Amino acid sequence: MNAQKSKPEQSRELAQKVQDFLQSGGEVQQVPSGVSGNADNSNLFRQGHSIDPRSERTPLTEVVKTLEARKQGKEQESPPKTKKPQKRLIVDDFGDPVRWVWDE
């Protein structure tokens, strides 16, 4: 695991970048409250819930029958492999590591 910067280090680095930007001639613009960065200032989450008209389904009974026949014709050559436990990192909402757990 790579060493991560602490919150105070990240804060100092961000403050230094802002200071460098301002010293190089950059300018901070004040944006009024409620204005979005979207071009049309619309709610992005609302767009994902549109309901499309119901479409006709393609019957696949012949395809399913072919697949089932192929599955029945296969012989099991080797026993199924057992899953080995794996180590998984748990992180908090900010992406900072909290602890390691074993998944089985």
Protein backbone atom coordinates (compact mmCIF):
# COMPACT_ATOMS: atom_id res chain seq x y z
CA MET A 1 0.00 0.00 0.00
CA ASN A 2 1.36 3.42 -0.94
CA ALA A 3 1.95 5.96 1.79
CA GLN A 4 -0.84 8.52 1.71
CA LYS A 5 -0.61 12.16 2.66
CA SER A 6 -2.32 13.21 5.85
CA LYS A 7 -5.22 15.67 5.80
CA PRO A 8 -3.08 18.61 7.02
CA GLU A 9 -0.48 17.86 4.31
CA GLN A 10 -3.19 17.77 1.65
CA SER A 11 -4.63 21.03 2.97
CA ARG A 12 -1.22 22.74 2.91
CA GLU A 13 -0.54 21.46 -0.61
CA LEU A 14 -3.91 22.76 -1.86
CA ALA A 15 -3.33 26.15 -0.20
CA GLN A 16 0.11 26.34 -1.84
CA LYS A 17 -1.35 25.54 -5.27
CA VAL A 18 -3.99 28.27 -4.84
CA GLN A 19 -1.30 30.73 -3.74
CA ASP A 20 0.87 29.85 -6.77
CA PHE A 21 -2.14 30.30 -9.06
CA LEU A 22 -2.92 33.73 -7.63
CA GLN A 23 0.74 34.86 -7.79
CA SER A 24 1.03 33.78 -11.45
CA GLY A 25 -1.77 36.18 -12.37
CA GLY A 26 -4.73 33.88 -11.87
CA GLU A 27 -7.98 35.25 -10.60
CA VAL A 28 -10.71 33.61 -8.51
CA GLN A 29 -14.22 34.27 -9.77
CA GLN A 30 -17.12 34.51 -7.35
CA VAL A 31 -20.01 32.30 -8.41
CA PRO A 32 -23.48 33.03 -7.05
CA SER A 33 -25.08 30.37 -4.89
CA GLY A 34 -27.33 27.92 -6.75
CA VAL A 35 -25.55 28.15 -10.10
CA SER A 36 -24.44 24.80 -11.53
CA GLY A 37 -21.45 23.89 -13.64
CA ASN A 38 -23.81 22.22 -16.12
CA ALA A 39 -24.40 24.14 -19.32
CA ASP A 40 -28.19 23.94 -19.02
CA ASN A 41 -28.24 24.00 -15.18
CA SER A 42 -30.43 20.87 -15.02
CA ASN A 43 -30.68 18.10 -12.44
CA LEU A 44 -28.46 15.23 -13.66
CA PHE A 45 -30.07 12.66 -11.37
CA ARG A 46 -33.56 13.27 -12.72
CA GLN A 47 -32.47 12.38 -16.26
CA GLY A 48 -31.53 8.81 -15.30
CA HIS A 49 -35.09 7.88 -14.30
CA SER A 50 -36.88 8.36 -17.59
CA ILE A 51 -39.32 5.57 -18.45
CA ASP A 52 -39.11 4.28 -22.00
CA PRO A 53 -42.14 2.80 -23.74
CA ARG A 54 -42.33 -0.97 -23.47
CA SER A 55 -40.69 -2.70 -26.42
CA GLU A 56 -41.51 -6.07 -27.93
CA ARG A 57 -39.37 -8.93 -26.71
CA THR A 58 -37.61 -11.25 -29.11
CA PRO A 59 -38.54 -14.89 -28.50
CA LEU A 60 -35.40 -16.91 -27.78
CA THR A 61 -36.85 -20.34 -27.05
CA GLU A 62 -34.86 -22.04 -29.82
CA VAL A 63 -31.62 -20.43 -28.67
CA VAL A 64 -32.28 -21.49 -25.07
CA LYS A 65 -33.03 -25.05 -26.17
CA THR A 66 -29.76 -25.19 -28.11
CA LEU A 67 -27.78 -23.89 -25.14
CA GLU A 68 -29.46 -26.33 -22.75
CA ALA A 69 -28.72 -29.26 -25.10
CA ARG A 70 -25.08 -28.18 -25.33
CA LYS A 71 -24.88 -27.90 -21.54
CA GLN A 72 -26.31 -31.42 -21.09
CA GLY A 73 -23.78 -32.83 -23.57
CA LYS A 74 -20.78 -31.53 -21.62
CA GLU A 75 -19.08 -33.84 -19.19
CA GLN A 76 -17.52 -32.41 -16.10
CA GLU A 77 -13.81 -33.00 -16.55
CA SER A 78 -12.55 -31.56 -13.30
CA PRO A 79 -14.20 -30.92 -9.95
CA PRO A 80 -15.18 -27.30 -9.30
CA LYS A 81 -12.44 -25.23 -7.76
CA THR A 82 -12.93 -24.03 -4.23
CA LYS A 83 -12.59 -20.34 -3.58
CA LYS A 84 -9.69 -19.31 -1.42
CA PRO A 85 -10.21 -16.55 1.14
CA GLN A 86 -9.06 -13.18 -0.13
CA LYS A 87 -7.96 -10.12 1.76
CA ARG A 88 -10.06 -6.99 1.02
CA LEU A 89 -9.37 -3.39 2.08
CA ILE A 90 -12.22 -1.46 3.74
CA VAL A 91 -12.07 2.31 3.17
CA ASP A 92 -14.10 5.17 4.62
CA ASP A 93 -16.17 7.71 2.65
CA PHE A 94 -13.04 9.71 1.81
CA GLY A 95 -11.06 6.73 0.49
CA ASP A 96 -8.84 6.42 3.54
CA PRO A 97 -8.02 2.84 4.57
CA VAL A 98 -9.83 1.66 7.70
CA ARG A 99 -9.00 -2.06 8.01
CA TRP A 100 -8.43 -5.30 6.14
CA VAL A 101 -11.03 -8.11 6.17
CA TRP A 102 -11.00 -11.66 4.82
CA ASP A 103 -13.67 -12.57 2.26
CA GLU A 104 -14.49 -16.22 1.84
